[in-house]
Amino acid sequence: MHVFTGPADSRSAAVRITHEVYDAARAAQQDGLAIPGKRPDGWGATGHRPGWEPDWLSAMAGRWNDPYSWLRVSDFDL
């Protein structure tokens, strides 16, 4: 499982943005460069592990429940 977080207007947008961030991290690592930091939209990667390729056809997105927060997704309208 891979977990990416950031704001998105839809689940499909979240998967698309995640793919962009992942591709940028992979390309940077392959070129011997540092993994890019957070983008202005709040998305970013902190690393990339070669050989751990996401199954993009099965990728899903949903609201994140922070296990350390006293707020739950159910507290908000979805």
PDB file of N, CA and C in Angstrom:
ATOM      1  N   MET A   1       0.843  -1.173   0.000  1.00  0.00           N
ATOM      2  CA  MET A   1       0.000   0.000   0.000  1.00  0.00           C
ATOM      3  C   MET A   1       0.889   1.236   0.000  1.00  0.00           C
ATOM      4  N   HIS A   2       0.488   2.213  -0.767  1.00  0.00           N
ATOM      5  CA  HIS A   2       1.139   3.514  -0.795  1.00  0.00           C
ATOM      6  C   HIS A   2       0.109   4.532  -0.322  1.00  0.00           C
ATOM      7  N   VAL A   3       0.525   5.505   0.458  1.00  0.00           N
ATOM      8  CA  VAL A   3      -0.390   6.539   0.926  1.00  0.00           C
ATOM      9  C   VAL A   3       0.163   7.892   0.512  1.00  0.00           C
ATOM     10  N   PHE A   4      -0.660   8.646  -0.181  1.00  0.00           N
ATOM     11  CA  PHE A   4      -0.338  10.007  -0.581  1.00  0.00           C
ATOM     12  C   PHE A   4      -1.445  10.891  -0.030  1.00  0.00           C
ATOM     13  N   THR A   5      -1.101  12.099   0.394  1.00  0.00           N
ATOM     14  CA  THR A   5      -2.124  12.995   0.900  1.00  0.00           C
ATOM     15  C   THR A   5      -2.023  14.360   0.244  1.00  0.00           C
ATOM     16  N   GLY A   6      -3.146  15.000   0.098  1.00  0.00           N
ATOM     17  CA  GLY A   6      -3.206  16.344  -0.455  1.00  0.00           C
ATOM     18  C   GLY A   6      -4.625  16.661  -0.863  1.00  0.00           C
ATOM     19  N   PRO A   7      -4.893  17.922  -1.103  1.00  0.00           N
ATOM     20  CA  PRO A   7      -6.249  18.317  -1.486  1.00  0.00           C
ATOM     21  C   PRO A   7      -6.537  18.006  -2.944  1.00  0.00           C
ATOM     22  N   ALA A   8      -7.785  17.666  -3.228  1.00  0.00           N
ATOM     23  CA  ALA A   8      -8.217  17.406  -4.613  1.00  0.00           C
ATOM     24  C   ALA A   8      -9.709  17.667  -4.713  1.00  0.00           C
ATOM     25  N   ASP A   9     -10.146  18.020  -5.908  1.00  0.00           N
ATOM     26  CA  ASP A   9     -11.557  18.297  -6.149  1.00  0.00           C
ATOM     27  C   ASP A   9     -12.381  17.027  -6.336  1.00  0.00           C
ATOM     28  N   SER A  10     -11.715  15.926  -6.652  1.00  0.00           N
ATOM     29  CA  SER A  10     -12.424  14.671  -6.879  1.00  0.00           C
ATOM     30  C   SER A  10     -11.467  13.506  -6.630  1.00  0.00           C
ATOM     31  N   ARG A  11     -12.025  12.321  -6.553  1.00  0.00           N
ATOM     32  CA  ARG A  11     -11.186  11.133  -6.371  1.00  0.00           C
ATOM     33  C   ARG A  11     -10.291  10.903  -7.580  1.00  0.00           C
ATOM     34  N   SER A  12     -10.834  11.133  -8.782  1.00  0.00           N
ATOM     35  CA  SER A  12     -10.019  10.936  -9.988  1.00  0.00           C
ATOM     36  C   SER A  12      -8.890  11.960 -10.052  1.00  0.00           C
ATOM     37  N   ALA A  13      -9.150  13.183  -9.613  1.00  0.00           N
ATOM     38  CA  ALA A  13      -8.091  14.203  -9.579  1.00  0.00           C
ATOM     39  C   ALA A  13      -7.013  13.793  -8.580  1.00  0.00           C
ATOM     40  N   ALA A  14      -7.413  13.226  -7.446  1.00  0.00           N
ATOM     41  CA  ALA A  14      -6.435  12.790  -6.440  1.00  0.00           C
ATOM     42  C   ALA A  14      -5.522  11.708  -7.007  1.00  0.00           C
ATOM     43  N   VAL A  15      -6.085  10.754  -7.725  1.00  0.00           N
ATOM     44  CA  VAL A  15      -5.272   9.688  -8.319  1.00  0.00           C
ATOM     45  C   VAL A  15      -4.341  10.275  -9.394  1.00  0.00           C
ATOM     46  N   ARG A  16      -4.856  11.188 -10.211  1.00  0.00           N
ATOM     47  CA  ARG A  16      -4.042  11.815 -11.263  1.00  0.00           C
ATOM     48  C   ARG A  16      -2.871  12.588 -10.652  1.00  0.00           C
ATOM     49  N   ILE A  17      -3.148  13.388  -9.619  1.00  0.00           N
ATOM     50  CA  ILE A  17      -2.096  14.182  -8.976  1.00  0.00           C
ATOM     51  C   ILE A  17      -1.075  13.265  -8.310  1.00  0.00           C
ATOM     52  N   THR A  18      -1.564  12.220  -7.666  1.00  0.00           N
ATOM     53  CA  THR A  18      -0.659  11.252  -7.037  1.00  0.00           C
ATOM     54  C   THR A  18       0.284  10.645  -8.073  1.00  0.00           C
ATOM     55  N   HIS A  19      -0.247  10.307  -9.221  1.00  0.00           N
ATOM     56  CA  HIS A  19       0.576   9.736 -10.287  1.00  0.00           C
ATOM     57  C   HIS A  19       1.638  10.742 -10.730  1.00  0.00           C
ATOM     58  N   GLU A  20       1.268  12.012 -10.861  1.00  0.00           N
ATOM     59  CA  GLU A  20       2.225  13.051 -11.232  1.00  0.00           C
ATOM     60  C   GLU A  20       3.347  13.174 -10.205  1.00  0.00           C
ATOM     61  N   VAL A  21       2.980  13.194  -8.927  1.00  0.00           N
ATOM     62  CA  VAL A  21       3.966  13.318  -7.848  1.00  0.00           C
ATOM     63  C   VAL A  21       4.884  12.098  -7.831  1.00  0.00           C
ATOM     64  N   TYR A  22       4.301  10.927  -7.981  1.00  0.00           N
ATOM     65  CA  TYR A  22       5.089   9.696  -7.997  1.00  0.00           C
ATOM     66  C   TYR A  22       6.074   9.696  -9.166  1.00  0.00           C
ATOM     67  N   ASP A  23       5.581  10.062 -10.351  1.00  0.00           N
ATOM     68  CA  ASP A  23       6.447  10.087 -11.534  1.00  0.00           C
ATOM     69  C   ASP A  23       7.597  11.078 -11.366  1.00  0.00           C
ATOM     70  N   ALA A  24       7.323  12.228 -10.764  1.00  0.00           N
ATOM     71  CA  ALA A  24       8.374  13.229 -10.539  1.00  0.00           C
ATOM     72  C   ALA A  24       9.424  12.699  -9.565  1.00  0.00           C
ATOM     73  N   ALA A  25       8.986  12.015  -8.515  1.00  0.00           N
ATOM     74  CA  ALA A  25       9.924  11.450  -7.539  1.00  0.00           C
ATOM     75  C   ALA A  25      10.776  10.357  -8.180  1.00  0.00           C
ATOM     76  N   ARG A  26      10.142   9.499  -8.969  1.00  0.00           N
ATOM     77  CA  ARG A  26      10.880   8.419  -9.629  1.00  0.00           C
ATOM     78  C   ARG A  26      11.897   8.982 -10.617  1.00  0.00           C
ATOM     79  N   ALA A  27      11.488   9.958 -11.416  1.00  0.00           N
ATOM     80  CA  ALA A  27      12.392  10.559 -12.408  1.00  0.00           C
ATOM     81  C   ALA A  27      13.578  11.239 -11.729  1.00  0.00           C
ATOM     82  N   ALA A  28      13.317  11.956 -10.642  1.00  0.00           N
ATOM     83  CA  ALA A  28      14.404  12.631  -9.930  1.00  0.00           C
ATOM     84  C   ALA A  28      15.408  11.608  -9.404  1.00  0.00           C
ATOM     85  N   GLN A  29      14.906  10.546  -8.802  1.00  0.00           N
ATOM     86  CA  GLN A  29      15.802   9.530  -8.260  1.00  0.00           C
ATOM     87  C   GLN A  29      16.620   8.866  -9.369  1.00  0.00           C
ATOM     88  N   GLN A  30      15.977   8.557 -10.482  1.00  0.00           N
ATOM     89  CA  GLN A  30      16.682   7.922 -11.592  1.00  0.00           C
ATOM     90  C   GLN A  30      17.766   8.838 -12.172  1.00  0.00           C
ATOM     91  N   ASP A  31      17.543  10.156 -12.111  1.00  0.00           N
ATOM     92  CA  ASP A  31      18.517  11.120 -12.622  1.00  0.00           C
ATOM     93  C   ASP A  31      19.553  11.517 -11.582  1.00  0.00           C
ATOM     94  N   GLY A  32      19.473  10.906 -10.390  1.00  0.00           N
ATOM     95  CA  GLY A  32      20.428  11.207  -9.331  1.00  0.00           C
ATOM     96  C   GLY A  32      20.160  12.527  -8.631  1.00  0.00           C
ATOM     97  N   LEU A  33      18.944  13.033  -8.744  1.00  0.00           N
ATOM     98  CA  LEU A  33      18.575  14.303  -8.127  1.00  0.00           C
ATOM     99  C   LEU A  33      17.772  14.069  -6.855  1.00  0.00           C
ATOM    100  N   ALA A  34      17.645  15.116  -6.062  1.00  0.00           N
ATOM    101  CA  ALA A  34      16.837  15.035  -4.845  1.00  0.00           C
ATOM    102  C   ALA A  34      15.360  14.916  -5.219  1.00  0.00           C
ATOM    103  N   ILE A  35      14.610  14.209  -4.390  1.00  0.00           N
ATOM    104  CA  ILE A  35      13.167  14.100  -4.584  1.00  0.00           C
ATOM    105  C   ILE A  35      12.576  15.500  -4.417  1.00  0.00           C
ATOM    106  N   PRO A  36      11.742  15.937  -5.354  1.00  0.00           N
ATOM    107  CA  PRO A  36      11.148  17.273  -5.220  1.00  0.00           C
ATOM    108  C   PRO A  36      10.348  17.399  -3.925  1.00  0.00           C
ATOM    109  N   GLY A  37      10.344  18.575  -3.358  1.00  0.00           N
ATOM    110  CA  GLY A  37       9.563  18.819  -2.144  1.00  0.00           C
ATOM    111  C   GLY A  37       8.097  18.983  -2.482  1.00  0.00           C
ATOM    112  N   LYS A  38       7.366  19.514  -1.527  1.00  0.00           N
ATOM    113  CA  LYS A  38       5.935  19.733  -1.749  1.00  0.00           C
ATOM    114  C   LYS A  38       5.709  20.727  -2.877  1.00  0.00           C
ATOM    115  N   ARG A  39       4.719  20.419  -3.676  1.00  0.00           N
ATOM    116  CA  ARG A  39       4.303  21.325  -4.733  1.00  0.00           C
ATOM    117  C   ARG A  39       3.442  22.424  -4.117  1.00  0.00           C
ATOM    118  N   PRO A  40       3.206  23.512  -4.858  1.00  0.00           N
ATOM    119  CA  PRO A  40       2.352  24.584  -4.317  1.00  0.00           C
ATOM    120  C   PRO A  40       0.939  24.117  -3.945  1.00  0.00           C
ATOM    121  N   ASP A  41       0.474  23.032  -4.566  1.00  0.00           N
ATOM    122  CA  ASP A  41      -0.867  22.533  -4.243  1.00  0.00           C
ATOM    123  C   ASP A  41      -0.885  21.643  -2.999  1.00  0.00           C
ATOM    124  N   GLY A  42       0.269  21.469  -2.344  1.00  0.00           N
ATOM    125  CA  GLY A  42       0.331  20.699  -1.105  1.00  0.00           C
ATOM    126  C   GLY A  42       0.707  19.238  -1.271  1.00  0.00           C
ATOM    127  N   TRP A  43       0.815  18.754  -2.499  1.00  0.00           N
ATOM    128  CA  TRP A  43       1.177  17.364  -2.754  1.00  0.00           C
ATOM    129  C   TRP A  43       2.690  17.245  -2.873  1.00  0.00           C
ATOM    130  N   GLY A  44       3.231  16.128  -2.450  1.00  0.00           N
ATOM    131  CA  GLY A  44       4.661  15.885  -2.579  1.00  0.00           C
ATOM    132  C   GLY A  44       5.000  14.467  -2.158  1.00  0.00           C
ATOM    133  N   ALA A  45       6.214  14.072  -2.417  1.00  0.00           N
ATOM    134  CA  ALA A  45       6.710  12.750  -2.018  1.00  0.00           C
ATOM    135  C   ALA A  45       7.968  12.960  -1.192  1.00  0.00           C
ATOM    136  N   THR A  46       8.199  12.078  -0.250  1.00  0.00           N
ATOM    137  CA  THR A  46       9.406  12.174   0.558  1.00  0.00           C
ATOM    138  C   THR A  46      10.428  11.119   0.163  1.00  0.00           C
ATOM    139  N   GLY A  47      10.049  10.225  -0.730  1.00  0.00           N
ATOM    140  CA  GLY A  47      10.977   9.195  -1.163  1.00  0.00           C
ATOM    141  C   GLY A  47      10.367   8.339  -2.248  1.00  0.00           C
ATOM    142  N   HIS A  48      11.200   7.463  -2.773  1.00  0.00           N
ATOM    143  CA  HIS A  48      10.757   6.518  -3.797  1.00  0.00           C
ATOM    144  C   HIS A  48      11.565   5.244  -3.616  1.00  0.00           C
ATOM    145  N   ARG A  49      10.887   4.126  -3.586  1.00  0.00           N
ATOM    146  CA  ARG A  49      11.569   2.845  -3.434  1.00  0.00           C
ATOM    147  C   ARG A  49      11.473   2.090  -4.749  1.00  0.00           C
ATOM    148  N   PRO A  50      12.593   1.942  -5.452  1.00  0.00           N
ATOM    149  CA  PRO A  50      12.577   1.201  -6.724  1.00  0.00           C
ATOM    150  C   PRO A  50      12.012  -0.206  -6.527  1.00  0.00           C
ATOM    151  N   GLY A  51      11.218  -0.630  -7.499  1.00  0.00           N
ATOM    152  CA  GLY A  51      10.626  -1.959  -7.440  1.00  0.00           C
ATOM    153  C   GLY A  51       9.268  -1.987  -6.759  1.00  0.00           C
ATOM    154  N   TRP A  52       8.896  -0.924  -6.089  1.00  0.00           N
ATOM    155  CA  TRP A  52       7.594  -0.858  -5.440  1.00  0.00           C
ATOM    156  C   TRP A  52       6.694   0.020  -6.292  1.00  0.00           C
ATOM    157  N   GLU A  53       6.298  -0.481  -7.425  1.00  0.00           N
ATOM    158  CA  GLU A  53       5.491   0.291  -8.359  1.00  0.00           C
ATOM    159  C   GLU A  53       4.010   0.155  -8.022  1.00  0.00           C
ATOM    160  N   PRO A  54       3.318   1.280  -7.899  1.00  0.00           N
ATOM    161  CA  PRO A  54       1.877   1.203  -7.635  1.00  0.00           C
ATOM    162  C   PRO A  54       1.123   0.559  -8.796  1.00  0.00           C
ATOM    163  N   ASP A  55       0.020  -0.073  -8.481  1.00  0.00           N
ATOM    164  CA  ASP A  55      -0.877  -0.627  -9.487  1.00  0.00           C
ATOM    165  C   ASP A  55      -1.868   0.485  -9.828  1.00  0.00           C
ATOM    166  N   TRP A  56      -1.515   1.313 -10.802  1.00  0.00           N
ATOM    167  CA  TRP A  56      -2.312   2.501 -11.110  1.00  0.00           C
ATOM    168  C   TRP A  56      -3.716   2.157 -11.587  1.00  0.00           C
ATOM    169  N   LEU A  57      -3.896   1.017 -12.220  1.00  0.00           N
ATOM    170  CA  LEU A  57      -5.235   0.646 -12.674  1.00  0.00           C
ATOM    171  C   LEU A  57      -6.173   0.341 -11.501  1.00  0.00           C
ATOM    172  N   SER A  58      -5.607  -0.047 -10.376  1.00  0.00           N
ATOM    173  CA  SER A  58      -6.409  -0.360  -9.189  1.00  0.00           C
ATOM    174  C   SER A  58      -6.384   0.761  -8.152  1.00  0.00           C
ATOM    175  N   ALA A  59      -5.704   1.850  -8.459  1.00  0.00           N
ATOM    176  CA  ALA A  59      -5.559   2.942  -7.491  1.00  0.00           C
ATOM    177  C   ALA A  59      -6.917   3.538  -7.132  1.00  0.00           C
ATOM    178  N   MET A  60      -7.072   3.831  -5.844  1.00  0.00           N
ATOM    179  CA  MET A  60      -8.297   4.432  -5.335  1.00  0.00           C
ATOM    180  C   MET A  60      -7.940   5.625  -4.471  1.00  0.00           C
ATOM    181  N   ALA A  61      -8.884   6.522  -4.312  1.00  0.00           N
ATOM    182  CA  ALA A  61      -8.684   7.680  -3.445  1.00  0.00           C
ATOM    183  C   ALA A  61      -9.906   7.852  -2.561  1.00  0.00           C
ATOM    184  N   GLY A  62      -9.680   8.390  -1.398  1.00  0.00           N
ATOM    185  CA  GLY A  62     -10.761   8.672  -0.467  1.00  0.00           C
ATOM    186  C   GLY A  62     -10.273   9.638   0.587  1.00  0.00           C
ATOM    187  N   ARG A  63     -11.191  10.072   1.421  1.00  0.00           N
ATOM    188  CA  ARG A  63     -10.813  10.997   2.486  1.00  0.00           C
ATOM    189  C   ARG A  63      -9.957  10.276   3.513  1.00  0.00           C
ATOM    190  N   TRP A  64      -8.985  10.967   4.038  1.00  0.00           N
ATOM    191  CA  TRP A  64      -8.034  10.416   4.998  1.00  0.00           C
ATOM    192  C   TRP A  64      -8.544  10.603   6.411  1.00  0.00           C
ATOM    193  N   ASN A  65      -8.500   9.542   7.203  1.00  0.00           N
ATOM    194  CA  ASN A  65      -8.765   9.615   8.638  1.00  0.00           C
ATOM    195  C   ASN A  65      -7.428   9.617   9.347  1.00  0.00           C
ATOM    196  N   ASP A  66      -7.062  10.745   9.929  1.00  0.00           N
ATOM    197  CA  ASP A  66      -5.817  10.835  10.683  1.00  0.00           C
ATOM    198  C   ASP A  66      -6.004  10.078  11.998  1.00  0.00           C
ATOM    199  N   PRO A  67      -5.241   9.010  12.210  1.00  0.00           N
ATOM    200  CA  PRO A  67      -5.447   8.215  13.423  1.00  0.00           C
ATOM    201  C   PRO A  67      -5.091   8.972  14.702  1.00  0.00           C
ATOM    202  N   TYR A  68      -4.408  10.113  14.585  1.00  0.00           N
ATOM    203  CA  TYR A  68      -4.002  10.887  15.755  1.00  0.00           C
ATOM    204  C   TYR A  68      -4.874  12.119  15.974  1.00  0.00           C
ATOM    205  N   SER A  69      -5.901  12.290  15.161  1.00  0.00           N
ATOM    206  CA  SER A  69      -6.783  13.446  15.273  1.00  0.00           C
ATOM    207  C   SER A  69      -8.043  13.072  16.035  1.00  0.00           C
ATOM    208  N   TRP A  70      -8.585  14.016  16.764  1.00  0.00           N
ATOM    209  CA  TRP A  70      -9.850  13.776  17.457  1.00  0.00           C
ATOM    210  C   TRP A  70     -11.026  13.989  16.512  1.00  0.00           C
ATOM    211  N   LEU A  71     -10.768  14.506  15.299  1.00  0.00           N
ATOM    212  CA  LEU A  71     -11.807  14.664  14.289  1.00  0.00           C
ATOM    213  C   LEU A  71     -11.827  13.433  13.393  1.00  0.00           C
ATOM    214  N   ARG A  72     -12.986  13.048  12.920  1.00  0.00           N
ATOM    215  CA  ARG A  72     -13.134  11.924  12.005  1.00  0.00           C
ATOM    216  C   ARG A  72     -13.780  12.426  10.730  1.00  0.00           C
ATOM    217  N   VAL A  73     -13.593  11.722   9.654  1.00  0.00           N
ATOM    218  CA  VAL A  73     -14.227  12.082   8.382  1.00  0.00           C
ATOM    219  C   VAL A  73     -15.732  12.133   8.549  1.00  0.00           C
ATOM    220  N   SER A  74     -16.288  11.261   9.363  1.00  0.00           N
ATOM    221  CA  SER A  74     -17.731  11.238   9.569  1.00  0.00           C
ATOM    222  C   SER A  74     -18.250  12.526  10.204  1.00  0.00           C
ATOM    223  N   ASP A  75     -17.360  13.358  10.735  1.00  0.00           N
ATOM    224  CA  ASP A  75     -17.767  14.635  11.326  1.00  0.00           C
ATOM    225  C   ASP A  75     -18.081  15.673  10.251  1.00  0.00           C
ATOM    226  N   PHE A  76     -17.747  15.397   8.998  1.00  0.00           N
ATOM    227  CA  PHE A  76     -17.906  16.344   7.906  1.00  0.00           C
ATOM    228  C   PHE A  76     -18.772  15.746   6.821  1.00  0.00           C
ATOM    229  N   ASP A  77     -19.384  16.608   6.034  1.00  0.00           N
ATOM    230  CA  ASP A  77     -20.131  16.137   4.858  1.00  0.00           C
ATOM    231  C   ASP A  77     -19.148  15.634   3.822  1.00  0.00           C
ATOM    232  N   LEU A  78     -19.466  14.540   3.171  1.00  0.00           N
ATOM    233  CA  LEU A  78     -18.593  14.012   2.108  1.00  0.00           C
ATOM    234  C   LEU A  78     -19.070  14.469   0.767  1.00  0.00           C
TER     235      LEU A  78
END
